[in-house]
Amino acid sequence: MNTLANFLPQHLQQHNLPAELGNVLETVTAACCAINNKVRLGALAGVLGMAGTGNVQGEDQKKLDVIANDILIEALKNNPNVGGLASEEEDSFVACHENGGYLVLFDPLDGSSNIDVNISVGTIFSILAKPEGTLTTESFLQKGRNQVAAGYVLYGPQTQLVLTLKHGVFVFTLNEQGEFVETQSQPKIAAATQEFAVNMSNQRHWQPPVQQYIAELLAGKEGVRGKNYNMRWVASMVAEIHRILMRGGVFMYPQDKRDPSKPGKLRLMYEANPMSLILEQAGGAASNAHQAMLDIQPEGLHQRVAVFMGSSEEVAYINNLHQND
């Protein structure tokens, strides 16, 4: 039985990675275990419902959004290896330890609209090396390829940690003793798929290439794609990406014409980049339909982006439709 506590030092040594990185990951996962305990109790702990506050994006916050955010911030601020952190729920970055070598970015509770109806949610995190010098917003604005680690914890029927340190993807399941135990090594996403995930209620607002793509999928075996597709939509990115990691598929959150000033809904730094690194490490692909997600130069902590990720053949097909538009 390979626990995370055993896996991390072995993996770090094998790939010549610093022990301090493992220490930061241990802090993140310990915080996620604390969040898991709150999620599991739900109404019994009085943590369901609205917090009566809004985040930096102007979105209403659930009580658990705030609780999860506070748990992660407190844990990371107490780790001397963390130079700073940034959260989807915070206006700006939070400086931690001047000599800390790592920056941690996170979405403390992805899919929180599902909390009150007991559908899977999760925590997404991204770790960057802290540049030399004074910590500023620019310190965080690194391309996704610069991530030294990324992962998520899915609070579902089982609580699972999915982690990459850029040497493949590893899956751990939380046991009764509160330990993450490795249950899958190096999952691979098939290049071809017959499953897609998108919020179809927004179809009329999408740009022509996405309209065309979806129409081709819905045409099924009789259409140009020559095969039938199934659609799934959980409205929790962690749950959607986990399904794709386990059995293939493509996840989409296209740009929406209702607000041309926003290139997408999902956040590059807290959601798209960490998930893209995980999927690429598992043989998948991710883009904004114009360039690889991990190659985008961030311009702001809360930058939004269009998202297409999953099985590589579908992502390439979507990219091609946009190039020809």
C-alpha atoms as a PDB file:
ATOM      1  CA  MET A   1       0.000   0.000   0.000  1.00  0.00           C
ATOM      2  CA  ASN A   2       1.722   3.165  -1.243  1.00  0.00           C
ATOM      3  CA  THR A   3       0.501   6.175   0.699  1.00  0.00           C
ATOM      4  CA  LEU A   4       1.070   9.766  -0.384  1.00  0.00           C
ATOM      5  CA  ALA A   5       3.460  10.125   2.566  1.00  0.00           C
ATOM      6  CA  ASN A   6       5.621   7.349   1.057  1.00  0.00           C
ATOM      7  CA  PHE A   7       5.079   8.327  -2.583  1.00  0.00           C
ATOM      8  CA  LEU A   8       6.178  11.953  -2.376  1.00  0.00           C
ATOM      9  CA  PRO A   9       9.768  11.503  -1.073  1.00  0.00           C
ATOM     10  CA  GLN A  10      10.340   8.576  -3.463  1.00  0.00           C
ATOM     11  CA  HIS A  11       8.983  10.482  -6.466  1.00  0.00           C
ATOM     12  CA  LEU A  12      10.879  13.666  -5.599  1.00  0.00           C
ATOM     13  CA  GLN A  13      14.155  11.799  -5.202  1.00  0.00           C
ATOM     14  CA  GLN A  14      13.624   9.781  -8.373  1.00  0.00           C
ATOM     15  CA  HIS A  15      13.129  12.943 -10.436  1.00  0.00           C
ATOM     16  CA  ASN A  16      15.598  15.140  -8.547  1.00  0.00           C
ATOM     17  CA  LEU A  17      12.910  17.492  -7.237  1.00  0.00           C
ATOM     18  CA  PRO A  18      13.278  19.562  -4.026  1.00  0.00           C
ATOM     19  CA  ALA A  19      11.939  18.190  -0.751  1.00  0.00           C
ATOM     20  CA  GLU A  20      10.411  21.637  -0.121  1.00  0.00           C
ATOM     21  CA  LEU A  21       8.010  21.057  -3.018  1.00  0.00           C
ATOM     22  CA  GLY A  22       6.809  17.873  -1.347  1.00  0.00           C
ATOM     23  CA  ASN A  23       6.321  19.798   1.879  1.00  0.00           C
ATOM     24  CA  VAL A  24       4.069  22.334   0.121  1.00  0.00           C
ATOM     25  CA  LEU A  25       2.056  19.519  -1.436  1.00  0.00           C
ATOM     26  CA  GLU A  26       1.629  17.908   1.972  1.00  0.00           C
ATOM     27  CA  THR A  27       0.227  21.186   3.303  1.00  0.00           C
ATOM     28  CA  VAL A  28      -2.224  21.493   0.403  1.00  0.00           C
ATOM     29  CA  THR A  29      -3.463  17.924   0.754  1.00  0.00           C
ATOM     30  CA  ALA A  30      -3.795  18.207   4.539  1.00  0.00           C
ATOM     31  CA  ALA A  31      -5.938  21.319   4.027  1.00  0.00           C
ATOM     32  CA  CYS A  32      -8.041  19.401   1.507  1.00  0.00           C
ATOM     33  CA  CYS A  33      -8.628  16.672   4.086  1.00  0.00           C
ATOM     34  CA  ALA A  34      -9.959  19.348   6.446  1.00  0.00           C
ATOM     35  CA  ILE A  35     -12.212  20.683   3.662  1.00  0.00           C
ATOM     36  CA  ASN A  36     -13.362  17.125   2.957  1.00  0.00           C
ATOM     37  CA  ASN A  37     -14.535  16.785   6.566  1.00  0.00           C
ATOM     38  CA  LYS A  38     -16.680  19.916   6.205  1.00  0.00           C
ATOM     39  CA  VAL A  39     -18.099  18.814   2.837  1.00  0.00           C
ATOM     40  CA  ARG A  40     -18.946  15.367   4.191  1.00  0.00           C
ATOM     41  CA  LEU A  41     -20.978  16.738   7.110  1.00  0.00           C
ATOM     42  CA  GLY A  42     -22.863  19.317   5.050  1.00  0.00           C
ATOM     43  CA  ALA A  43     -26.092  20.319   6.770  1.00  0.00           C
ATOM     44  CA  LEU A  44     -24.999  18.557   9.983  1.00  0.00           C
ATOM     45  CA  ALA A  45     -22.204  21.124  10.352  1.00  0.00           C
ATOM     46  CA  GLY A  46     -24.354  24.041   9.248  1.00  0.00           C
ATOM     47  CA  VAL A  47     -22.090  24.758   6.287  1.00  0.00           C
ATOM     48  CA  LEU A  48     -24.645  24.656   3.462  1.00  0.00           C
ATOM     49  CA  GLY A  49     -26.346  27.674   1.899  1.00  0.00           C
ATOM     50  CA  MET A  50     -25.188  31.142   0.967  1.00  0.00           C
ATOM     51  CA  ALA A  51     -22.547  33.131   2.819  1.00  0.00           C
ATOM     52  CA  GLY A  52     -24.181  36.450   1.977  1.00  0.00           C
ATOM     53  CA  THR A  53     -20.969  37.703   0.383  1.00  0.00           C
ATOM     54  CA  GLY A  54     -19.498  37.968  -3.110  1.00  0.00           C
ATOM     55  CA  ASN A  55     -16.053  37.165  -4.474  1.00  0.00           C
ATOM     56  CA  VAL A  56     -13.815  39.345  -6.632  1.00  0.00           C
ATOM     57  CA  GLN A  57     -15.735  38.289  -9.761  1.00  0.00           C
ATOM     58  CA  GLY A  58     -18.998  39.483  -8.235  1.00  0.00           C
ATOM     59  CA  GLU A  59     -20.316  35.943  -7.796  1.00  0.00           C
ATOM     60  CA  ASP A  60     -22.319  34.987  -4.716  1.00  0.00           C
ATOM     61  CA  GLN A  61     -20.338  32.797  -2.344  1.00  0.00           C
ATOM     62  CA  LYS A  62     -21.534  29.658  -0.630  1.00  0.00           C
ATOM     63  CA  LYS A  63     -20.617  29.179   3.036  1.00  0.00           C
ATOM     64  CA  LEU A  64     -18.336  26.323   2.043  1.00  0.00           C
ATOM     65  CA  ASP A  65     -16.559  28.536  -0.538  1.00  0.00           C
ATOM     66  CA  VAL A  66     -15.507  30.822   2.297  1.00  0.00           C
ATOM     67  CA  ILE A  67     -14.681  27.981   4.705  1.00  0.00           C
ATOM     68  CA  ALA A  68     -12.545  26.122   2.137  1.00  0.00           C
ATOM     69  CA  ASN A  69     -10.756  29.337   1.176  1.00  0.00           C
ATOM     70  CA  ASP A  70      -9.961  30.150   4.811  1.00  0.00           C
ATOM     71  CA  ILE A  71      -8.685  26.626   5.517  1.00  0.00           C
ATOM     72  CA  LEU A  72      -6.258  26.721   2.586  1.00  0.00           C
ATOM     73  CA  ILE A  73      -5.016  30.243   3.302  1.00  0.00           C
ATOM     74  CA  GLU A  74      -4.362  29.519   6.978  1.00  0.00           C
ATOM     75  CA  ALA A  75      -2.524  26.273   6.209  1.00  0.00           C
ATOM     76  CA  LEU A  76      -0.351  27.785   3.474  1.00  0.00           C
ATOM     77  CA  LYS A  77       0.513  30.915   5.460  1.00  0.00           C
ATOM     78  CA  ASN A  78       1.921  28.633   8.156  1.00  0.00           C
ATOM     79  CA  ASN A  79       4.273  26.869   5.728  1.00  0.00           C
ATOM     80  CA  PRO A  80       7.685  28.630   5.466  1.00  0.00           C
ATOM     81  CA  ASN A  81       8.188  27.204   1.957  1.00  0.00           C
ATOM     82  CA  VAL A  82       5.230  29.193   0.596  1.00  0.00           C
ATOM     83  CA  GLY A  83       6.244  32.624  -0.670  1.00  0.00           C
ATOM     84  CA  GLY A  84       2.729  33.660  -1.613  1.00  0.00           C
ATOM     85  CA  LEU A  85      -0.690  32.448  -2.635  1.00  0.00           C
ATOM     86  CA  ALA A  86      -3.546  33.501  -4.881  1.00  0.00           C
ATOM     87  CA  SER A  87      -7.145  32.341  -4.656  1.00  0.00           C
ATOM     88  CA  GLU A  88     -10.104  32.649  -6.980  1.00  0.00           C
ATOM     89  CA  GLU A  89     -11.967  34.060  -3.974  1.00  0.00           C
ATOM     90  CA  GLU A  90      -9.455  36.823  -3.136  1.00  0.00           C
ATOM     91  CA  ASP A  91      -9.081  40.251  -4.756  1.00  0.00           C
ATOM     92  CA  SER A  92      -5.281  40.107  -4.809  1.00  0.00           C
ATOM     93  CA  PHE A  93      -2.445  37.761  -3.922  1.00  0.00           C
ATOM     94  CA  VAL A  94      -1.492  37.070  -0.311  1.00  0.00           C
ATOM     95  CA  ALA A  95       2.173  37.392   0.625  1.00  0.00           C
ATOM     96  CA  CYS A  96       3.375  34.631   2.954  1.00  0.00           C
ATOM     97  CA  HIS A  97       7.081  34.017   3.682  1.00  0.00           C
ATOM     98  CA  GLU A  98       9.806  36.143   2.109  1.00  0.00           C
ATOM     99  CA  ASN A  99      12.140  33.164   1.754  1.00  0.00           C
ATOM    100  CA  GLY A 100       9.448  30.740   0.582  1.00  0.00           C
ATOM    101  CA  GLY A 101      10.313  29.231  -2.785  1.00  0.00           C
ATOM    102  CA  TYR A 102       6.819  28.433  -4.053  1.00  0.00           C
ATOM    103  CA  LEU A 103       3.597  30.148  -5.063  1.00  0.00           C
ATOM    104  CA  VAL A 104       0.287  28.321  -4.684  1.00  0.00           C
ATOM    105  CA  LEU A 105      -2.816  29.242  -6.678  1.00  0.00           C
ATOM    106  CA  PHE A 106      -6.161  27.562  -6.064  1.00  0.00           C
ATOM    107  CA  ASP A 107      -9.890  27.369  -6.590  1.00  0.00           C
ATOM    108  CA  PRO A 108     -10.869  26.338  -3.052  1.00  0.00           C
ATOM    109  CA  LEU A 109     -14.206  24.769  -3.969  1.00  0.00           C
ATOM    110  CA  ASP A 110     -14.913  24.245  -7.651  1.00  0.00           C
ATOM    111  CA  GLY A 111     -18.522  23.452  -8.562  1.00  0.00           C
ATOM    112  CA  SER A 112     -19.896  24.931  -5.343  1.00  0.00           C
ATOM    113  CA  SER A 113     -23.274  25.557  -7.003  1.00  0.00           C
ATOM    114  CA  ASN A 114     -23.710  21.783  -6.545  1.00  0.00           C
ATOM    115  CA  ILE A 115     -23.025  21.781  -2.800  1.00  0.00           C
ATOM    116  CA  ASP A 116     -26.609  22.055  -1.618  1.00  0.00           C
ATOM    117  CA  VAL A 117     -27.773  19.193  -3.856  1.00  0.00           C
ATOM    118  CA  ASN A 118     -24.946  16.808  -2.847  1.00  0.00           C
ATOM    119  CA  ILE A 119     -23.167  16.525  -6.210  1.00  0.00           C
ATOM    120  CA  SER A 120     -19.387  16.169  -6.489  1.00  0.00           C
ATOM    121  CA  VAL A 121     -17.234  19.269  -5.964  1.00  0.00           C
ATOM    122  CA  GLY A 122     -13.492  19.703  -5.560  1.00  0.00           C
ATOM    123  CA  THR A 123     -10.397  21.779  -4.888  1.00  0.00           C
ATOM    124  CA  ILE A 124      -8.029  22.644  -7.763  1.00  0.00           C
ATOM    125  CA  PHE A 125      -4.445  23.799  -7.132  1.00  0.00           C
ATOM    126  CA  SER A 126      -1.411  24.948  -9.076  1.00  0.00           C
ATOM    127  CA  ILE A 127       2.156  25.387  -7.804  1.00  0.00           C
ATOM    128  CA  LEU A 128       4.773  27.686  -9.349  1.00  0.00           C
ATOM    129  CA  ALA A 129       8.358  28.443  -8.410  1.00  0.00           C
ATOM    130  CA  LYS A 130       8.607  31.936  -6.904  1.00  0.00           C
ATOM    131  CA  PRO A 131      10.817  34.245  -9.000  1.00  0.00           C
ATOM    132  CA  GLU A 132      13.661  36.109  -7.318  1.00  0.00           C
ATOM    133  CA  GLY A 133      12.950  39.471  -5.756  1.00  0.00           C
ATOM    134  CA  THR A 134       9.962  41.187  -4.209  1.00  0.00           C
ATOM    135  CA  LEU A 135       6.644  39.404  -4.548  1.00  0.00           C
ATOM    136  CA  THR A 136       4.266  41.193  -6.944  1.00  0.00           C
ATOM    137  CA  THR A 137       1.272  40.224  -9.054  1.00  0.00           C
ATOM    138  CA  GLU A 138       3.692  39.667 -11.944  1.00  0.00           C
ATOM    139  CA  SER A 139       5.415  36.950  -9.898  1.00  0.00           C
ATOM    140  CA  PHE A 140       2.296  34.814 -10.387  1.00  0.00           C
ATOM    141  CA  LEU A 141       1.719  35.604 -14.070  1.00  0.00           C
ATOM    142  CA  GLN A 142       3.668  32.671 -15.450  1.00  0.00           C
ATOM    143  CA  LYS A 143       2.668  30.473 -18.359  1.00  0.00           C
ATOM    144  CA  GLY A 144       1.054  27.183 -17.435  1.00  0.00           C
ATOM    145  CA  ARG A 145       4.093  25.274 -18.665  1.00  0.00           C
ATOM    146  CA  ASN A 146       6.015  26.795 -15.758  1.00  0.00           C
ATOM    147  CA  GLN A 147       3.914  24.942 -13.195  1.00  0.00           C
ATOM    148  CA  VAL A 148       6.023  22.599 -11.087  1.00  0.00           C
ATOM    149  CA  ALA A 149       2.992  20.694  -9.834  1.00  0.00           C
ATOM    150  CA  ALA A 150      -0.774  20.707 -10.183  1.00  0.00           C
ATOM    151  CA  GLY A 151      -3.666  18.674  -8.937  1.00  0.00           C
ATOM    152  CA  TYR A 152      -7.167  18.475  -7.618  1.00  0.00           C
ATOM    153  CA  VAL A 153      -9.064  16.761  -4.843  1.00  0.00           C
ATOM    154  CA  LEU A 154     -12.488  15.422  -5.821  1.00  0.00           C
ATOM    155  CA  TYR A 155     -15.011  15.238  -2.988  1.00  0.00           C
ATOM    156  CA  GLY A 156     -17.235  12.551  -4.491  1.00  0.00           C
ATOM    157  CA  PRO A 157     -18.437   9.050  -3.556  1.00  0.00           C
ATOM    158  CA  GLN A 158     -14.739   8.544  -2.832  1.00  0.00           C
ATOM    159  CA  THR A 159     -12.422  11.427  -1.993  1.00  0.00           C
ATOM    160  CA  GLN A 160      -9.618  11.279  -4.526  1.00  0.00           C
ATOM    161  CA  LEU A 161      -6.428  13.254  -5.098  1.00  0.00           C
ATOM    162  CA  VAL A 162      -5.120  13.541  -8.657  1.00  0.00           C
ATOM    163  CA  LEU A 163      -1.576  14.859  -8.817  1.00  0.00           C
ATOM    164  CA  THR A 164       1.155  15.607 -11.326  1.00  0.00           C
ATOM    165  CA  LEU A 165       4.710  16.805 -10.762  1.00  0.00           C
ATOM    166  CA  LYS A 166       5.244  16.733 -14.558  1.00  0.00           C
ATOM    167  CA  HIS A 167       6.292  13.080 -14.591  1.00  0.00           C
ATOM    168  CA  GLY A 168       2.907  11.541 -15.270  1.00  0.00           C
ATOM    169  CA  VAL A 169      -0.338  11.527 -13.312  1.00  0.00           C
ATOM    170  CA  PHE A 170      -1.092   9.660 -10.090  1.00  0.00           C
ATOM    171  CA  VAL A 171      -4.418   9.003  -8.378  1.00  0.00           C
ATOM    172  CA  PHE A 172      -4.864   8.556  -4.626  1.00  0.00           C
ATOM    173  CA  THR A 173      -7.971   7.622  -2.636  1.00  0.00           C
ATOM    174  CA  LEU A 174      -8.597   8.775   0.938  1.00  0.00           C
ATOM    175  CA  ASN A 175      -8.890   5.795   3.300  1.00  0.00           C
ATOM    176  CA  GLU A 176     -10.631   5.457   6.676  1.00  0.00           C
ATOM    177  CA  GLN A 177      -7.449   6.500   8.491  1.00  0.00           C
ATOM    178  CA  GLY A 178      -7.337   9.824   6.637  1.00  0.00           C
ATOM    179  CA  GLU A 179      -4.417   8.777   4.399  1.00  0.00           C
ATOM    180  CA  PHE A 180      -4.265   9.185   0.645  1.00  0.00           C
ATOM    181  CA  VAL A 181      -3.416   5.757  -0.828  1.00  0.00           C
ATOM    182  CA  GLU A 182      -2.229   5.368  -4.425  1.00  0.00           C
ATOM    183  CA  THR A 183      -4.947   3.570  -6.392  1.00  0.00           C
ATOM    184  CA  GLN A 184      -3.972   4.325  -9.986  1.00  0.00           C
ATOM    185  CA  SER A 185      -0.699   5.153 -11.701  1.00  0.00           C
ATOM    186  CA  GLN A 186      -0.274   6.922 -15.035  1.00  0.00           C
ATOM    187  CA  PRO A 187      -3.864   6.976 -16.395  1.00  0.00           C
ATOM    188  CA  LYS A 188      -3.946   7.729 -20.123  1.00  0.00           C
ATOM    189  CA  ILE A 189      -6.648   9.548 -22.073  1.00  0.00           C
ATOM    190  CA  ALA A 190      -7.570   7.871 -25.361  1.00  0.00           C
ATOM    191  CA  ALA A 191      -6.989  10.152 -28.367  1.00  0.00           C
ATOM    192  CA  ALA A 192     -10.448   9.360 -29.775  1.00  0.00           C
ATOM    193  CA  THR A 193     -13.738   9.681 -27.921  1.00  0.00           C
ATOM    194  CA  GLN A 194     -17.517   9.619 -28.371  1.00  0.00           C
ATOM    195  CA  GLU A 195     -18.391  11.718 -25.337  1.00  0.00           C
ATOM    196  CA  PHE A 196     -18.568  15.487 -24.813  1.00  0.00           C
ATOM    197  CA  ALA A 197     -19.399  17.782 -21.914  1.00  0.00           C
ATOM    198  CA  VAL A 198     -20.844  21.255 -22.455  1.00  0.00           C
ATOM    199  CA  ASN A 199     -23.694  23.427 -21.137  1.00  0.00           C
ATOM    200  CA  MET A 200     -26.048  23.161 -24.118  1.00  0.00           C
ATOM    201  CA  SER A 201     -28.359  25.864 -22.762  1.00  0.00           C
ATOM    202  CA  ASN A 202     -25.783  28.423 -23.941  1.00  0.00           C
ATOM    203  CA  GLN A 203     -25.626  27.106 -27.503  1.00  0.00           C
ATOM    204  CA  ARG A 204     -27.321  30.125 -29.110  1.00  0.00           C
ATOM    205  CA  HIS A 205     -24.596  32.404 -27.690  1.00  0.00           C
ATOM    206  CA  TRP A 206     -21.589  30.507 -29.078  1.00  0.00           C
ATOM    207  CA  GLN A 207     -19.423  31.572 -32.000  1.00  0.00           C
ATOM    208  CA  PRO A 208     -19.930  29.893 -35.429  1.00  0.00           C
ATOM    209  CA  PRO A 209     -17.044  27.342 -35.185  1.00  0.00           C
ATOM    210  CA  VAL A 210     -18.394  25.986 -31.890  1.00  0.00           C
ATOM    211  CA  GLN A 211     -21.953  25.961 -33.277  1.00  0.00           C
ATOM    212  CA  GLN A 212     -20.665  23.930 -36.224  1.00  0.00           C
ATOM    213  CA  TYR A 213     -18.725  21.540 -34.013  1.00  0.00           C
ATOM    214  CA  ILE A 214     -21.682  20.785 -31.759  1.00  0.00           C
ATOM    215  CA  ALA A 215     -24.007  20.389 -34.763  1.00  0.00           C
ATOM    216  CA  GLU A 216     -21.596  17.802 -36.188  1.00  0.00           C
ATOM    217  CA  LEU A 217     -21.531  15.881 -32.912  1.00  0.00           C
ATOM    218  CA  LEU A 218     -25.323  15.911 -32.645  1.00  0.00           C
ATOM    219  CA  ALA A 219     -25.642  14.663 -36.240  1.00  0.00           C
ATOM    220  CA  GLY A 220     -24.080  11.441 -35.008  1.00  0.00           C
ATOM    221  CA  LYS A 221     -23.344   8.459 -37.214  1.00  0.00           C
ATOM    222  CA  GLU A 222     -25.198   9.963 -40.156  1.00  0.00           C
ATOM    223  CA  GLY A 223     -23.106  13.172 -40.008  1.00  0.00           C
ATOM    224  CA  VAL A 224     -19.588  14.054 -41.118  1.00  0.00           C
ATOM    225  CA  ARG A 225     -18.037  12.601 -37.951  1.00  0.00           C
ATOM    226  CA  GLY A 226     -19.489   9.178 -38.693  1.00  0.00           C
ATOM    227  CA  LYS A 227     -20.143   8.173 -35.082  1.00  0.00           C
ATOM    228  CA  ASN A 228     -22.654   8.805 -32.319  1.00  0.00           C
ATOM    229  CA  TYR A 229     -21.699  10.968 -29.338  1.00  0.00           C
ATOM    230  CA  ASN A 230     -23.039  11.002 -25.787  1.00  0.00           C
ATOM    231  CA  MET A 231     -23.294  14.222 -23.787  1.00  0.00           C
ATOM    232  CA  ARG A 232     -22.566  14.659 -20.071  1.00  0.00           C
ATOM    233  CA  TRP A 233     -22.799  17.805 -17.919  1.00  0.00           C
ATOM    234  CA  VAL A 234     -22.251  17.916 -14.144  1.00  0.00           C
ATOM    235  CA  ALA A 235     -21.556  21.682 -13.829  1.00  0.00           C
ATOM    236  CA  SER A 236     -18.484  20.883 -11.715  1.00  0.00           C
ATOM    237  CA  MET A 237     -15.200  21.145 -13.615  1.00  0.00           C
ATOM    238  CA  VAL A 238     -13.422  18.770 -11.231  1.00  0.00           C
ATOM    239  CA  ALA A 239     -16.070  16.097 -11.787  1.00  0.00           C
ATOM    240  CA  GLU A 240     -16.058  16.627 -15.577  1.00  0.00           C
ATOM    241  CA  ILE A 241     -12.270  16.468 -15.885  1.00  0.00           C
ATOM    242  CA  HIS A 242     -12.030  13.452 -13.606  1.00  0.00           C
ATOM    243  CA  ARG A 243     -14.464  11.540 -15.806  1.00  0.00           C
ATOM    244  CA  ILE A 244     -12.455  12.493 -18.895  1.00  0.00           C
ATOM    245  CA  LEU A 245      -9.214  11.431 -17.205  1.00  0.00           C
ATOM    246  CA  MET A 246     -10.750   8.051 -16.388  1.00  0.00           C
ATOM    247  CA  ARG A 247     -12.555   7.295 -19.664  1.00  0.00           C
ATOM    248  CA  GLY A 248     -11.889   9.997 -22.252  1.00  0.00           C
ATOM    249  CA  GLY A 249     -14.078  12.748 -23.639  1.00  0.00           C
ATOM    250  CA  VAL A 250     -13.886  16.459 -24.323  1.00  0.00           C
ATOM    251  CA  PHE A 251     -14.892  19.273 -21.954  1.00  0.00           C
ATOM    252  CA  MET A 252     -15.858  22.672 -23.340  1.00  0.00           C
ATOM    253  CA  TYR A 253     -16.661  26.078 -21.926  1.00  0.00           C
ATOM    254  CA  PRO A 254     -16.635  28.296 -25.047  1.00  0.00           C
ATOM    255  CA  GLN A 255     -16.578  32.058 -25.291  1.00  0.00           C
ATOM    256  CA  ASP A 256     -20.044  33.551 -24.906  1.00  0.00           C
ATOM    257  CA  LYS A 257     -21.251  36.353 -27.213  1.00  0.00           C
ATOM    258  CA  ARG A 258     -23.398  37.849 -24.426  1.00  0.00           C
ATOM    259  CA  ASP A 259     -20.311  39.589 -23.019  1.00  0.00           C
ATOM    260  CA  PRO A 260     -17.660  40.077 -25.753  1.00  0.00           C
ATOM    261  CA  SER A 261     -15.292  41.619 -23.183  1.00  0.00           C
ATOM    262  CA  LYS A 262     -14.907  38.194 -21.538  1.00  0.00           C
ATOM    263  CA  PRO A 263     -12.976  35.618 -23.589  1.00  0.00           C
ATOM    264  CA  GLY A 264     -14.506  32.869 -21.445  1.00  0.00           C
ATOM    265  CA  LYS A 265     -15.959  32.015 -18.040  1.00  0.00           C
ATOM    266  CA  LEU A 266     -13.306  29.811 -16.461  1.00  0.00           C
ATOM    267  CA  ARG A 267     -10.141  31.209 -14.882  1.00  0.00           C
ATOM    268  CA  LEU A 268      -6.796  30.564 -16.531  1.00  0.00           C
ATOM    269  CA  MET A 269      -4.698  30.560 -13.346  1.00  0.00           C
ATOM    270  CA  TYR A 270      -6.958  28.611 -10.969  1.00  0.00           C
ATOM    271  CA  GLU A 271      -8.787  26.185 -13.257  1.00  0.00           C
ATOM    272  CA  ALA A 272      -7.605  25.978 -16.867  1.00  0.00           C
ATOM    273  CA  ASN A 273      -3.826  25.827 -16.297  1.00  0.00           C
ATOM    274  CA  PRO A 274      -3.721  23.137 -13.570  1.00  0.00           C
ATOM    275  CA  MET A 275      -6.291  20.973 -15.369  1.00  0.00           C
ATOM    276  CA  SER A 276      -4.448  21.402 -18.678  1.00  0.00           C
ATOM    277  CA  LEU A 277      -1.174  20.240 -17.137  1.00  0.00           C
ATOM    278  CA  ILE A 278      -2.855  17.146 -15.698  1.00  0.00           C
ATOM    279  CA  LEU A 279      -4.553  16.265 -18.976  1.00  0.00           C
ATOM    280  CA  GLU A 280      -1.400  16.827 -21.068  1.00  0.00           C
ATOM    281  CA  GLN A 281       0.551  14.611 -18.679  1.00  0.00           C
ATOM    282  CA  ALA A 282      -2.091  11.928 -19.289  1.00  0.00           C
ATOM    283  CA  GLY A 283      -1.830  12.222 -23.069  1.00  0.00           C
ATOM    284  CA  GLY A 284      -4.703  14.655 -23.582  1.00  0.00           C
ATOM    285  CA  ALA A 285      -4.742  18.203 -24.925  1.00  0.00           C
ATOM    286  CA  ALA A 286      -6.067  21.609 -23.917  1.00  0.00           C
ATOM    287  CA  SER A 287      -6.518  24.903 -25.752  1.00  0.00           C
ATOM    288  CA  ASN A 288      -8.546  28.093 -25.967  1.00  0.00           C
ATOM    289  CA  ALA A 289      -9.258  27.042 -29.603  1.00  0.00           C
ATOM    290  CA  HIS A 290      -6.399  29.228 -30.858  1.00  0.00           C
ATOM    291  CA  GLN A 291      -3.332  28.146 -28.883  1.00  0.00           C
ATOM    292  CA  ALA A 292      -2.305  25.530 -26.348  1.00  0.00           C
ATOM    293  CA  MET A 293      -3.607  26.544 -22.939  1.00  0.00           C
ATOM    294  CA  LEU A 294      -0.223  26.092 -21.269  1.00  0.00           C
ATOM    295  CA  ASP A 295       1.401  28.528 -23.731  1.00  0.00           C
ATOM    296  CA  ILE A 296      -0.894  31.470 -22.940  1.00  0.00           C
ATOM    297  CA  GLN A 297       0.887  34.377 -21.269  1.00  0.00           C
ATOM    298  CA  PRO A 298      -1.320  35.430 -18.332  1.00  0.00           C
ATOM    299  CA  GLU A 299      -2.216  39.103 -18.074  1.00  0.00           C
ATOM    300  CA  GLY A 300      -4.047  39.067 -14.746  1.00  0.00           C
ATOM    301  CA  LEU A 301      -4.666  36.887 -11.699  1.00  0.00           C
ATOM    302  CA  HIS A 302      -8.347  36.491 -12.513  1.00  0.00           C
ATOM    303  CA  GLN A 303      -8.062  36.279 -16.299  1.00  0.00           C
ATOM    304  CA  ARG A 304     -10.817  34.286 -17.960  1.00  0.00           C
ATOM    305  CA  VAL A 305     -10.345  32.010 -20.936  1.00  0.00           C
ATOM    306  CA  ALA A 306     -12.300  29.800 -23.336  1.00  0.00           C
ATOM    307  CA  VAL A 307     -11.657  26.128 -22.564  1.00  0.00           C
ATOM    308  CA  PHE A 308     -11.523  23.023 -24.753  1.00  0.00           C
ATOM    309  CA  MET A 309      -9.752  20.058 -23.169  1.00  0.00           C
ATOM    310  CA  GLY A 310      -9.633  16.278 -23.151  1.00  0.00           C
ATOM    311  CA  SER A 311      -9.093  13.700 -25.889  1.00  0.00           C
ATOM    312  CA  SER A 312      -6.474  15.055 -28.296  1.00  0.00           C
ATOM    313  CA  GLU A 313      -8.310  14.289 -31.564  1.00  0.00           C
ATOM    314  CA  GLU A 314     -11.330  16.363 -30.537  1.00  0.00           C
ATOM    315  CA  VAL A 315      -9.270  19.302 -29.285  1.00  0.00           C
ATOM    316  CA  ALA A 316      -7.303  19.314 -32.550  1.00  0.00           C
ATOM    317  CA  TYR A 317     -10.558  19.198 -34.531  1.00  0.00           C
ATOM    318  CA  ILE A 318     -11.937  22.190 -32.596  1.00  0.00           C
ATOM    319  CA  ASN A 319      -8.688  24.125 -33.114  1.00  0.00           C
ATOM    320  CA  ASN A 320      -8.867  23.430 -36.840  1.00  0.00           C
ATOM    321  CA  LEU A 321     -12.457  24.691 -37.116  1.00  0.00           C
ATOM    322  CA  HIS A 322     -11.408  27.973 -35.508  1.00  0.00           C
ATOM    323  CA  GLN A 323      -8.397  28.354 -37.809  1.00  0.00           C
ATOM    324  CA  ASN A 324     -10.657  27.971 -40.812  1.00  0.00           C
ATOM    325  CA  ASP A 325     -13.224  30.440 -39.530  1.00  0.00           C
END
